[in-house]
Amino acid sequence: MPNYRRSGMHGGTFFITQVTYQRQPWLCTEIGRTALRHALGHVRQSHPFDIDAFVLLPDHFHCVWTLPHNDGDLSKRMRLVKRVVTKYYGHALGLSADVSASREKRKEGNVWQRRFWEHLIRDESDFAAHCDYIHYNPVRHGLCDTPQQWPFSSLHRLTKKGVYSPDWGGEEIKSLEYINLGNE
């Protein structure tokens, strides 16, 4: 089995994708949103990080997180977020997907896909391109016609701050062309 290595860069900024187990569409439900919001808040108390951009879709989420200058343990934060959601809300989610023997052996539930995808942000243009990708993602998935129509996105907060114009994303975004995650 491969030994996956994460960057671990102290103070790094990371683009992250986390998918639900068997792509079950529970994340945008009331209980799913509450569970994830609670887990993020809980983990940030003991292991701080900034959430620079975020979008929640029915079966996955994308985000950009910046870690503190003295810490590079992204994996611990993701593991804890997933654990809090599973431990405190897993039963309430009422998920019906069976757990494989491999997952049972590892004491994993039927809430999250085992691993997450991560990319270390290289520079300002990489940061901007990944934020654009995040905010345009609901349109790519056919969930809405414009990014502003999707309620579960940091685009609204960033528009109020003046980072994005109110009509951003009305046309295809050129910076999205080079980002190909291969997992959607």
N, C-alpha and C. Protein backbone atom coordinates (compact mmCIF):
# COMPACT_ATOMS: atom_id res chain seq x y z
N MET A 1 0.85 -1.18 0.00
CA MET A 1 0.00 0.00 0.00
C MET A 1 0.89 1.24 0.00
N PRO A 2 0.56 2.23 -0.83
CA PRO A 2 1.37 3.44 -0.90
C PRO A 2 1.35 4.21 0.42
N ASN A 3 2.44 4.86 0.70
CA ASN A 3 2.52 5.73 1.86
C ASN A 3 2.34 7.17 1.36
N TYR A 4 1.14 7.72 1.55
CA TYR A 4 0.84 9.05 1.04
C TYR A 4 1.55 10.09 1.89
N ARG A 5 2.21 11.02 1.23
CA ARG A 5 2.95 12.06 1.92
C ARG A 5 2.29 13.40 1.63
N ARG A 6 2.05 14.14 2.66
CA ARG A 6 1.48 15.47 2.53
C ARG A 6 2.59 16.49 2.67
N SER A 7 2.35 17.68 2.20
CA SER A 7 3.37 18.71 2.19
C SER A 7 3.86 19.08 3.59
N GLY A 8 2.95 19.35 4.52
CA GLY A 8 3.34 19.71 5.87
C GLY A 8 4.04 21.06 5.98
N MET A 9 3.85 21.91 5.02
CA MET A 9 4.51 23.22 5.04
C MET A 9 3.89 24.11 6.11
N HIS A 10 4.72 24.56 7.04
CA HIS A 10 4.24 25.46 8.09
C HIS A 10 3.76 26.76 7.46
N GLY A 11 2.57 27.19 7.87
CA GLY A 11 2.01 28.42 7.34
C GLY A 11 1.54 28.31 5.90
N GLY A 12 1.47 27.10 5.38
CA GLY A 12 1.07 26.90 3.99
C GLY A 12 -0.40 27.20 3.75
N THR A 13 -0.70 27.48 2.51
CA THR A 13 -2.08 27.66 2.07
C THR A 13 -2.39 26.51 1.13
N PHE A 14 -3.51 25.82 1.38
CA PHE A 14 -3.84 24.60 0.68
C PHE A 14 -5.24 24.65 0.07
N PHE A 15 -5.36 24.15 -1.14
CA PHE A 15 -6.65 23.87 -1.75
C PHE A 15 -6.98 22.43 -1.38
N ILE A 16 -8.20 22.19 -0.90
CA ILE A 16 -8.61 20.87 -0.41
C ILE A 16 -9.93 20.47 -1.04
N THR A 17 -10.02 19.19 -1.38
CA THR A 17 -11.29 18.60 -1.80
C THR A 17 -11.55 17.38 -0.92
N GLN A 18 -12.71 17.32 -0.30
CA GLN A 18 -13.13 16.17 0.50
C GLN A 18 -14.47 15.69 -0.03
N VAL A 19 -14.56 14.38 -0.26
CA VAL A 19 -15.75 13.77 -0.86
C VAL A 19 -16.43 12.88 0.17
N THR A 20 -17.74 12.80 0.10
CA THR A 20 -18.49 11.90 0.99
C THR A 20 -18.32 10.46 0.52
N TYR A 21 -18.56 9.52 1.43
CA TYR A 21 -18.46 8.10 1.12
C TYR A 21 -19.49 7.74 0.05
N GLN A 22 -19.00 7.11 -1.00
CA GLN A 22 -19.82 6.71 -2.15
C GLN A 22 -20.64 7.87 -2.72
N ARG A 23 -20.09 9.06 -2.57
CA ARG A 23 -20.71 10.30 -3.08
C ARG A 23 -22.17 10.46 -2.66
N GLN A 24 -22.46 10.08 -1.44
CA GLN A 24 -23.81 10.28 -0.91
C GLN A 24 -24.08 11.78 -0.75
N PRO A 25 -25.20 12.28 -1.24
CA PRO A 25 -25.46 13.73 -1.27
C PRO A 25 -26.08 14.28 0.01
N TRP A 26 -25.34 14.24 1.11
CA TRP A 26 -25.88 14.70 2.39
C TRP A 26 -25.35 16.05 2.86
N LEU A 27 -24.30 16.55 2.26
CA LEU A 27 -23.63 17.75 2.79
C LEU A 27 -24.51 19.00 2.80
N CYS A 28 -25.38 19.17 1.84
CA CYS A 28 -26.19 20.40 1.77
C CYS A 28 -27.49 20.30 2.55
N THR A 29 -27.72 19.17 3.22
CA THR A 29 -28.91 19.06 4.06
C THR A 29 -28.71 19.92 5.30
N GLU A 30 -29.77 20.20 5.99
CA GLU A 30 -29.68 21.00 7.23
C GLU A 30 -28.73 20.36 8.23
N ILE A 31 -28.88 19.06 8.47
CA ILE A 31 -28.02 18.37 9.44
C ILE A 31 -26.58 18.30 8.93
N GLY A 32 -26.38 18.13 7.63
CA GLY A 32 -25.04 18.09 7.06
C GLY A 32 -24.31 19.41 7.22
N ARG A 33 -25.00 20.50 6.93
CA ARG A 33 -24.40 21.84 7.08
C ARG A 33 -24.08 22.13 8.54
N THR A 34 -25.01 21.78 9.42
CA THR A 34 -24.80 21.99 10.85
C THR A 34 -23.61 21.18 11.34
N ALA A 35 -23.53 19.93 10.93
CA ALA A 35 -22.45 19.05 11.35
C ALA A 35 -21.10 19.59 10.92
N LEU A 36 -20.98 19.98 9.67
CA LEU A 36 -19.71 20.47 9.17
C LEU A 36 -19.33 21.81 9.81
N ARG A 37 -20.30 22.70 9.97
CA ARG A 37 -20.04 23.99 10.62
C ARG A 37 -19.55 23.77 12.06
N HIS A 38 -20.21 22.87 12.78
CA HIS A 38 -19.80 22.56 14.16
C HIS A 38 -18.39 21.96 14.18
N ALA A 39 -18.12 21.03 13.29
CA ALA A 39 -16.81 20.37 13.26
C ALA A 39 -15.69 21.38 12.95
N LEU A 40 -15.92 22.24 11.97
CA LEU A 40 -14.90 23.24 11.62
C LEU A 40 -14.64 24.17 12.79
N GLY A 41 -15.69 24.64 13.43
CA GLY A 41 -15.53 25.53 14.58
C GLY A 41 -14.81 24.84 15.73
N HIS A 42 -15.17 23.61 15.99
CA HIS A 42 -14.55 22.84 17.08
C HIS A 42 -13.06 22.63 16.83
N VAL A 43 -12.70 22.23 15.63
CA VAL A 43 -11.30 21.97 15.31
C VAL A 43 -10.49 23.26 15.31
N ARG A 44 -11.06 24.33 14.81
CA ARG A 44 -10.33 25.62 14.76
C ARG A 44 -10.01 26.16 16.15
N GLN A 45 -10.75 25.75 17.17
CA GLN A 45 -10.45 26.20 18.53
C GLN A 45 -9.11 25.67 19.01
N SER A 46 -8.83 24.40 18.75
CA SER A 46 -7.58 23.79 19.24
C SER A 46 -6.49 23.74 18.18
N HIS A 47 -6.86 23.78 16.92
CA HIS A 47 -5.90 23.72 15.81
C HIS A 47 -6.29 24.79 14.79
N PRO A 48 -5.91 26.04 15.03
CA PRO A 48 -6.40 27.15 14.21
C PRO A 48 -5.97 27.06 12.74
N PHE A 49 -6.79 27.63 11.91
CA PHE A 49 -6.50 27.83 10.49
C PHE A 49 -7.51 28.84 9.97
N ASP A 50 -7.14 29.51 8.89
CA ASP A 50 -8.04 30.45 8.23
C ASP A 50 -8.74 29.75 7.08
N ILE A 51 -10.01 30.02 6.92
CA ILE A 51 -10.76 29.53 5.77
C ILE A 51 -10.84 30.69 4.79
N ASP A 52 -10.04 30.62 3.72
CA ASP A 52 -9.97 31.70 2.75
C ASP A 52 -11.09 31.62 1.72
N ALA A 53 -11.50 30.41 1.37
CA ALA A 53 -12.58 30.20 0.40
C ALA A 53 -13.21 28.85 0.69
N PHE A 54 -14.51 28.73 0.39
CA PHE A 54 -15.21 27.48 0.71
C PHE A 54 -16.45 27.37 -0.16
N VAL A 55 -16.71 26.16 -0.64
CA VAL A 55 -17.99 25.87 -1.28
C VAL A 55 -18.42 24.48 -0.86
N LEU A 56 -19.69 24.37 -0.53
CA LEU A 56 -20.29 23.12 -0.10
C LEU A 56 -21.23 22.64 -1.19
N LEU A 57 -20.99 21.43 -1.70
CA LEU A 57 -21.86 20.83 -2.70
C LEU A 57 -22.48 19.58 -2.08
N PRO A 58 -23.48 18.98 -2.72
CA PRO A 58 -24.17 17.86 -2.07
C PRO A 58 -23.26 16.70 -1.64
N ASP A 59 -22.23 16.38 -2.43
CA ASP A 59 -21.42 15.20 -2.10
C ASP A 59 -19.92 15.49 -1.92
N HIS A 60 -19.53 16.75 -1.91
CA HIS A 60 -18.13 17.11 -1.65
C HIS A 60 -18.02 18.59 -1.31
N PHE A 61 -16.87 18.95 -0.79
CA PHE A 61 -16.60 20.37 -0.60
C PHE A 61 -15.19 20.68 -1.06
N HIS A 62 -15.01 21.94 -1.46
CA HIS A 62 -13.70 22.49 -1.82
C HIS A 62 -13.44 23.65 -0.89
N CYS A 63 -12.19 23.82 -0.51
CA CYS A 63 -11.85 24.97 0.33
C CYS A 63 -10.38 25.33 0.17
N VAL A 64 -10.05 26.53 0.58
CA VAL A 64 -8.67 26.97 0.69
C VAL A 64 -8.46 27.35 2.14
N TRP A 65 -7.49 26.68 2.77
CA TRP A 65 -7.16 26.94 4.17
C TRP A 65 -5.73 27.43 4.26
N THR A 66 -5.49 28.36 5.17
CA THR A 66 -4.13 28.80 5.48
C THR A 66 -3.83 28.40 6.92
N LEU A 67 -2.72 27.69 7.10
CA LEU A 67 -2.33 27.22 8.43
C LEU A 67 -1.45 28.26 9.12
N PRO A 68 -1.35 28.19 10.45
CA PRO A 68 -0.50 29.13 11.18
C PRO A 68 0.97 28.95 10.80
N HIS A 69 1.77 29.98 11.02
CA HIS A 69 3.18 29.96 10.65
C HIS A 69 3.98 28.90 11.39
N ASN A 70 3.50 28.47 12.54
CA ASN A 70 4.23 27.48 13.32
C ASN A 70 3.66 26.07 13.20
N ASP A 71 2.81 25.83 12.21
CA ASP A 71 2.13 24.54 12.11
C ASP A 71 1.90 24.18 10.64
N GLY A 72 2.12 22.93 10.31
CA GLY A 72 1.90 22.48 8.94
C GLY A 72 1.08 21.21 8.85
N ASP A 73 0.35 20.87 9.93
CA ASP A 73 -0.36 19.58 9.97
C ASP A 73 -1.80 19.71 9.45
N LEU A 74 -1.91 19.75 8.14
CA LEU A 74 -3.21 19.80 7.48
C LEU A 74 -3.98 18.51 7.71
N SER A 75 -3.30 17.37 7.64
CA SER A 75 -3.95 16.07 7.78
C SER A 75 -4.65 15.93 9.13
N LYS A 76 -4.02 16.41 10.19
CA LYS A 76 -4.64 16.32 11.51
C LYS A 76 -5.95 17.08 11.53
N ARG A 77 -5.96 18.26 10.95
CA ARG A 77 -7.17 19.08 10.94
C ARG A 77 -8.29 18.38 10.15
N MET A 78 -7.96 17.85 8.99
CA MET A 78 -8.97 17.15 8.19
C MET A 78 -9.47 15.91 8.93
N ARG A 79 -8.57 15.16 9.53
CA ARG A 79 -8.95 13.96 10.28
C ARG A 79 -9.90 14.33 11.42
N LEU A 80 -9.61 15.42 12.13
CA LEU A 80 -10.45 15.83 13.24
C LEU A 80 -11.82 16.33 12.77
N VAL A 81 -11.85 17.08 11.69
CA VAL A 81 -13.13 17.55 11.15
C VAL A 81 -14.00 16.34 10.78
N LYS A 82 -13.41 15.40 10.09
CA LYS A 82 -14.17 14.21 9.68
C LYS A 82 -14.63 13.40 10.89
N ARG A 83 -13.76 13.31 11.91
CA ARG A 83 -14.09 12.55 13.12
C ARG A 83 -15.25 13.20 13.86
N VAL A 84 -15.23 14.53 14.02
CA VAL A 84 -16.31 15.21 14.74
C VAL A 84 -17.64 15.02 14.02
N VAL A 85 -17.65 15.19 12.71
CA VAL A 85 -18.89 15.00 11.96
C VAL A 85 -19.40 13.57 12.14
N THR A 86 -18.52 12.60 12.00
CA THR A 86 -18.91 11.19 12.09
C THR A 86 -19.39 10.84 13.50
N LYS A 87 -18.63 11.26 14.51
CA LYS A 87 -18.94 10.89 15.90
C LYS A 87 -20.23 11.51 16.39
N TYR A 88 -20.42 12.80 16.13
CA TYR A 88 -21.55 13.50 16.71
C TYR A 88 -22.79 13.59 15.81
N TYR A 89 -22.60 13.37 14.52
CA TYR A 89 -23.73 13.53 13.60
C TYR A 89 -23.94 12.33 12.67
N GLY A 90 -23.01 11.40 12.65
CA GLY A 90 -23.09 10.27 11.73
C GLY A 90 -24.41 9.53 11.79
N HIS A 91 -24.87 9.22 12.99
CA HIS A 91 -26.14 8.50 13.13
C HIS A 91 -27.32 9.35 12.67
N ALA A 92 -27.30 10.64 13.02
CA ALA A 92 -28.40 11.54 12.67
C ALA A 92 -28.51 11.74 11.16
N LEU A 93 -27.39 11.56 10.44
CA LEU A 93 -27.43 11.72 8.99
C LEU A 93 -28.25 10.62 8.33
N GLY A 94 -28.38 9.47 8.98
CA GLY A 94 -29.21 8.37 8.46
C GLY A 94 -28.72 7.82 7.14
N LEU A 95 -27.41 7.70 6.98
CA LEU A 95 -26.85 7.22 5.72
C LEU A 95 -27.02 5.71 5.61
N SER A 96 -27.34 5.28 4.40
CA SER A 96 -27.67 3.87 4.20
C SER A 96 -26.57 3.06 3.52
N ALA A 97 -25.49 3.66 3.13
CA ALA A 97 -24.43 2.93 2.42
C ALA A 97 -23.77 1.91 3.35
N ASP A 98 -23.60 0.71 2.84
CA ASP A 98 -22.94 -0.34 3.62
C ASP A 98 -21.46 -0.04 3.77
N VAL A 99 -20.90 -0.52 4.85
CA VAL A 99 -19.48 -0.35 5.12
C VAL A 99 -18.76 -1.63 4.71
N SER A 100 -17.71 -1.49 3.91
CA SER A 100 -16.95 -2.65 3.44
C SER A 100 -16.17 -3.28 4.58
N ALA A 101 -15.70 -4.49 4.37
CA ALA A 101 -14.89 -5.19 5.37
C ALA A 101 -13.62 -4.40 5.68
N SER A 102 -13.03 -3.82 4.65
CA SER A 102 -11.82 -3.01 4.83
C SER A 102 -12.09 -1.81 5.73
N ARG A 103 -13.22 -1.15 5.51
CA ARG A 103 -13.57 0.02 6.33
C ARG A 103 -13.90 -0.41 7.76
N GLU A 104 -14.57 -1.56 7.91
CA GLU A 104 -14.86 -2.07 9.25
C GLU A 104 -13.58 -2.35 10.00
N LYS A 105 -12.63 -2.99 9.33
CA LYS A 105 -11.34 -3.32 9.94
C LYS A 105 -10.63 -2.06 10.44
N ARG A 106 -10.74 -0.98 9.70
CA ARG A 106 -10.10 0.29 10.06
C ARG A 106 -10.97 1.15 10.97
N LYS A 107 -12.15 0.63 11.33
CA LYS A 107 -13.11 1.36 12.17
C LYS A 107 -13.56 2.66 11.51
N GLU A 108 -13.77 2.59 10.20
CA GLU A 108 -14.26 3.74 9.43
C GLU A 108 -15.76 3.57 9.20
N GLY A 109 -16.45 4.67 9.14
CA GLY A 109 -17.88 4.64 8.93
C GLY A 109 -18.24 4.83 7.47
N ASN A 110 -19.49 5.21 7.25
CA ASN A 110 -20.00 5.41 5.90
C ASN A 110 -20.30 6.88 5.63
N VAL A 111 -19.48 7.77 6.22
CA VAL A 111 -19.72 9.20 6.08
C VAL A 111 -18.79 9.85 5.05
N TRP A 112 -17.48 9.58 5.16
CA TRP A 112 -16.48 10.25 4.32
C TRP A 112 -15.68 9.28 3.47
N GLN A 113 -15.24 9.74 2.33
CA GLN A 113 -14.24 9.02 1.56
C GLN A 113 -12.95 9.02 2.39
N ARG A 114 -12.18 7.96 2.27
CA ARG A 114 -11.01 7.77 3.13
C ARG A 114 -10.01 8.92 3.06
N ARG A 115 -9.61 9.32 1.91
CA ARG A 115 -8.58 10.36 1.79
C ARG A 115 -9.18 11.65 1.25
N PHE A 116 -8.38 12.70 1.29
CA PHE A 116 -8.77 13.97 0.70
C PHE A 116 -7.70 14.38 -0.30
N TRP A 117 -8.08 15.26 -1.22
CA TRP A 117 -7.14 15.77 -2.21
C TRP A 117 -6.67 17.13 -1.76
N GLU A 118 -5.37 17.37 -1.89
CA GLU A 118 -4.81 18.64 -1.45
C GLU A 118 -3.77 19.13 -2.43
N HIS A 119 -3.69 20.45 -2.54
CA HIS A 119 -2.72 21.10 -3.42
C HIS A 119 -2.15 22.29 -2.67
N LEU A 120 -0.84 22.36 -2.55
CA LEU A 120 -0.18 23.49 -1.91
C LEU A 120 -0.22 24.68 -2.87
N ILE A 121 -0.80 25.77 -2.44
CA ILE A 121 -0.89 26.98 -3.26
C ILE A 121 0.51 27.58 -3.41
N ARG A 122 0.88 27.87 -4.66
CA ARG A 122 2.24 28.30 -4.97
C ARG A 122 2.45 29.81 -4.89
N ASP A 123 1.46 30.57 -5.34
CA ASP A 123 1.63 32.02 -5.40
C ASP A 123 0.25 32.69 -5.48
N GLU A 124 0.25 33.99 -5.63
CA GLU A 124 -1.01 34.76 -5.65
C GLU A 124 -1.92 34.37 -6.81
N SER A 125 -1.35 34.14 -7.99
CA SER A 125 -2.21 33.78 -9.13
C SER A 125 -2.79 32.38 -8.96
N ASP A 126 -2.03 31.46 -8.35
CA ASP A 126 -2.53 30.12 -8.05
C ASP A 126 -3.66 30.21 -7.01
N PHE A 127 -3.47 31.07 -6.02
CA PHE A 127 -4.50 31.30 -5.00
C PHE A 127 -5.78 31.82 -5.65
N ALA A 128 -5.65 32.84 -6.47
CA ALA A 128 -6.82 33.44 -7.13
C ALA A 128 -7.53 32.43 -8.03
N ALA A 129 -6.76 31.64 -8.78
CA ALA A 129 -7.35 30.65 -9.68
C ALA A 129 -8.12 29.59 -8.91
N HIS A 130 -7.57 29.14 -7.78
CA HIS A 130 -8.27 28.12 -6.99
C HIS A 130 -9.50 28.68 -6.30
N CYS A 131 -9.44 29.92 -5.86
CA CYS A 131 -10.63 30.56 -5.29
C CYS A 131 -11.72 30.70 -6.35
N ASP A 132 -11.34 31.10 -7.55
CA ASP A 132 -12.30 31.18 -8.65
C ASP A 132 -12.90 29.81 -8.94
N TYR A 133 -12.07 28.78 -8.97
CA TYR A 133 -12.53 27.41 -9.21
C TYR A 133 -13.58 27.03 -8.16
N ILE A 134 -13.27 27.31 -6.90
CA ILE A 134 -14.19 26.98 -5.81
C ILE A 134 -15.53 27.67 -6.02
N HIS A 135 -15.51 28.96 -6.29
CA HIS A 135 -16.75 29.71 -6.37
C HIS A 135 -17.56 29.44 -7.64
N TYR A 136 -16.89 28.98 -8.68
CA TYR A 136 -17.60 28.67 -9.92
C TYR A 136 -18.07 27.21 -9.96
N ASN A 137 -17.62 26.39 -9.03
CA ASN A 137 -17.89 24.96 -9.05
C ASN A 137 -19.37 24.58 -9.08
N PRO A 138 -20.26 25.25 -8.33
CA PRO A 138 -21.69 24.89 -8.43
C PRO A 138 -22.25 25.07 -9.84
N VAL A 139 -21.76 26.05 -10.58
CA VAL A 139 -22.19 26.25 -11.97
C VAL A 139 -21.68 25.09 -12.82
N ARG A 140 -20.42 24.71 -12.65
CA ARG A 140 -19.84 23.58 -13.39
C ARG A 140 -20.65 22.30 -13.19
N HIS A 141 -21.19 22.12 -11.98
CA HIS A 141 -21.96 20.92 -11.67
C HIS A 141 -23.43 21.05 -12.04
N GLY A 142 -23.83 22.18 -12.62
CA GLY A 142 -25.21 22.37 -13.05
C GLY A 142 -26.18 22.61 -11.91
N LEU A 143 -25.68 23.04 -10.76
CA LEU A 143 -26.54 23.28 -9.60
C LEU A 143 -27.17 24.67 -9.62
N CYS A 144 -26.63 25.56 -10.43
CA CYS A 144 -27.15 26.93 -10.55
C CYS A 144 -26.62 27.53 -11.85
N ASP A 145 -27.17 28.66 -12.25
CA ASP A 145 -26.74 29.32 -13.48
C ASP A 145 -25.60 30.31 -13.26
N THR A 146 -25.56 30.92 -12.07
CA THR A 146 -24.49 31.85 -11.74
C THR A 146 -23.98 31.51 -10.34
N PRO A 147 -22.73 31.80 -10.04
CA PRO A 147 -22.19 31.49 -8.71
C PRO A 147 -22.96 32.17 -7.58
N GLN A 148 -23.53 33.34 -7.83
CA GLN A 148 -24.25 34.07 -6.78
C GLN A 148 -25.53 33.34 -6.36
N GLN A 149 -26.06 32.48 -7.21
CA GLN A 149 -27.28 31.75 -6.88
C GLN A 149 -27.05 30.61 -5.88
N TRP A 150 -25.80 30.17 -5.71
CA TRP A 150 -25.52 29.04 -4.82
C TRP A 150 -25.34 29.57 -3.39
N PRO A 151 -26.17 29.12 -2.46
CA PRO A 151 -26.13 29.70 -1.11
C PRO A 151 -24.96 29.23 -0.23
N PHE A 152 -24.34 28.09 -0.55
CA PHE A 152 -23.35 27.50 0.34
C PHE A 152 -21.94 27.78 -0.15
N SER A 153 -21.59 29.05 -0.21
CA SER A 153 -20.33 29.47 -0.79
C SER A 153 -19.80 30.71 -0.08
N SER A 154 -18.49 30.79 0.04
CA SER A 154 -17.87 31.98 0.62
C SER A 154 -17.90 33.16 -0.35
N LEU A 155 -18.36 32.94 -1.58
CA LEU A 155 -18.45 34.02 -2.56
C LEU A 155 -19.25 35.20 -2.01
N HIS A 156 -20.31 34.92 -1.28
CA HIS A 156 -21.18 36.00 -0.77
C HIS A 156 -20.41 36.88 0.22
N ARG A 157 -19.65 36.28 1.11
CA ARG A 157 -18.84 37.02 2.08
C ARG A 157 -17.77 37.83 1.37
N LEU A 158 -17.13 37.22 0.37
CA LEU A 158 -16.05 37.90 -0.35
C LEU A 158 -16.57 39.00 -1.26
N THR A 159 -17.79 38.86 -1.74
CA THR A 159 -18.40 39.93 -2.54
C THR A 159 -18.69 41.14 -1.65
N LYS A 160 -19.19 40.89 -0.44
CA LYS A 160 -19.44 41.99 0.51
C LYS A 160 -18.16 42.73 0.86
N LYS A 161 -17.04 41.99 0.91
CA LYS A 161 -15.74 42.61 1.22
C LYS A 161 -15.12 43.31 0.02
N GLY A 162 -15.72 43.15 -1.17
CA GLY A 162 -15.20 43.79 -2.37
C GLY A 162 -14.14 42.98 -3.11
N VAL A 163 -13.92 41.74 -2.71
CA VAL A 163 -12.94 40.88 -3.39
C VAL A 163 -13.47 40.46 -4.76
N TYR A 164 -14.77 40.16 -4.83
CA TYR A 164 -15.43 39.79 -6.08
C TYR A 164 -16.48 40.85 -6.40
N SER A 165 -16.69 41.09 -7.69
CA SER A 165 -17.76 42.00 -8.08
C SER A 165 -19.09 41.27 -7.96
N PRO A 166 -20.19 41.99 -7.77
CA PRO A 166 -21.50 41.35 -7.61
C PRO A 166 -21.93 40.51 -8.80
N ASP A 167 -21.40 40.78 -9.99
CA ASP A 167 -21.79 40.00 -11.17
C ASP A 167 -20.69 39.03 -11.62
N TRP A 168 -19.72 38.75 -10.76
CA TRP A 168 -18.62 37.86 -11.12
C TRP A 168 -19.14 36.48 -11.52
N GLY A 169 -18.52 35.91 -12.53
CA GLY A 169 -18.86 34.55 -12.94
C GLY A 169 -20.01 34.46 -13.92
N GLY A 170 -20.48 35.58 -14.42
CA GLY A 170 -21.55 35.55 -15.41
C GLY A 170 -21.10 34.90 -16.71
N GLU A 171 -19.81 34.94 -16.95
CA GLU A 171 -19.23 34.27 -18.12
C GLU A 171 -18.20 33.27 -17.63
N GLU A 172 -17.83 32.31 -18.49
CA GLU A 172 -16.80 31.32 -18.14
C GLU A 172 -15.53 32.03 -17.70
N ILE A 173 -14.92 31.55 -16.65
CA ILE A 173 -13.74 32.17 -16.07
C ILE A 173 -12.49 31.55 -16.69
N LYS A 174 -11.65 32.37 -17.31
CA LYS A 174 -10.45 31.88 -18.00
C LYS A 174 -9.46 31.19 -17.05
N SER A 175 -9.34 31.66 -15.82
CA SER A 175 -8.36 31.08 -14.90
C SER A 175 -8.70 29.64 -14.51
N LEU A 176 -9.92 29.19 -14.81
CA LEU A 176 -10.32 27.84 -14.45
C LEU A 176 -9.78 26.79 -15.41
N GLU A 177 -9.32 27.22 -16.57
CA GLU A 177 -8.92 26.28 -17.60
C GLU A 177 -7.75 25.39 -17.19
N TYR A 178 -6.82 25.87 -16.38
CA TYR A 178 -5.66 25.07 -16.06
C TYR A 178 -5.86 24.17 -14.84
N ILE A 179 -6.93 24.36 -14.11
CA ILE A 179 -7.17 23.52 -12.94
C ILE A 179 -8.00 22.31 -13.37
N ASN A 180 -7.39 21.15 -13.28
CA ASN A 180 -8.07 19.90 -13.61
C ASN A 180 -7.78 18.92 -12.49
N LEU A 181 -8.78 18.72 -11.64
CA LEU A 181 -8.57 17.85 -10.48
C LEU A 181 -8.69 16.37 -10.82
N GLY A 182 -9.41 16.05 -11.86
CA GLY A 182 -9.55 14.66 -12.25
C GLY A 182 -10.39 13.83 -11.29
N ASN A 183 -10.95 14.42 -10.23
CA ASN A 183 -11.73 13.64 -9.28
C ASN A 183 -13.19 14.06 -9.22
N GLU A 184 -13.64 14.85 -10.19
CA GLU A 184 -15.04 15.28 -10.18
C GLU A 184 -15.77 14.67 -11.34
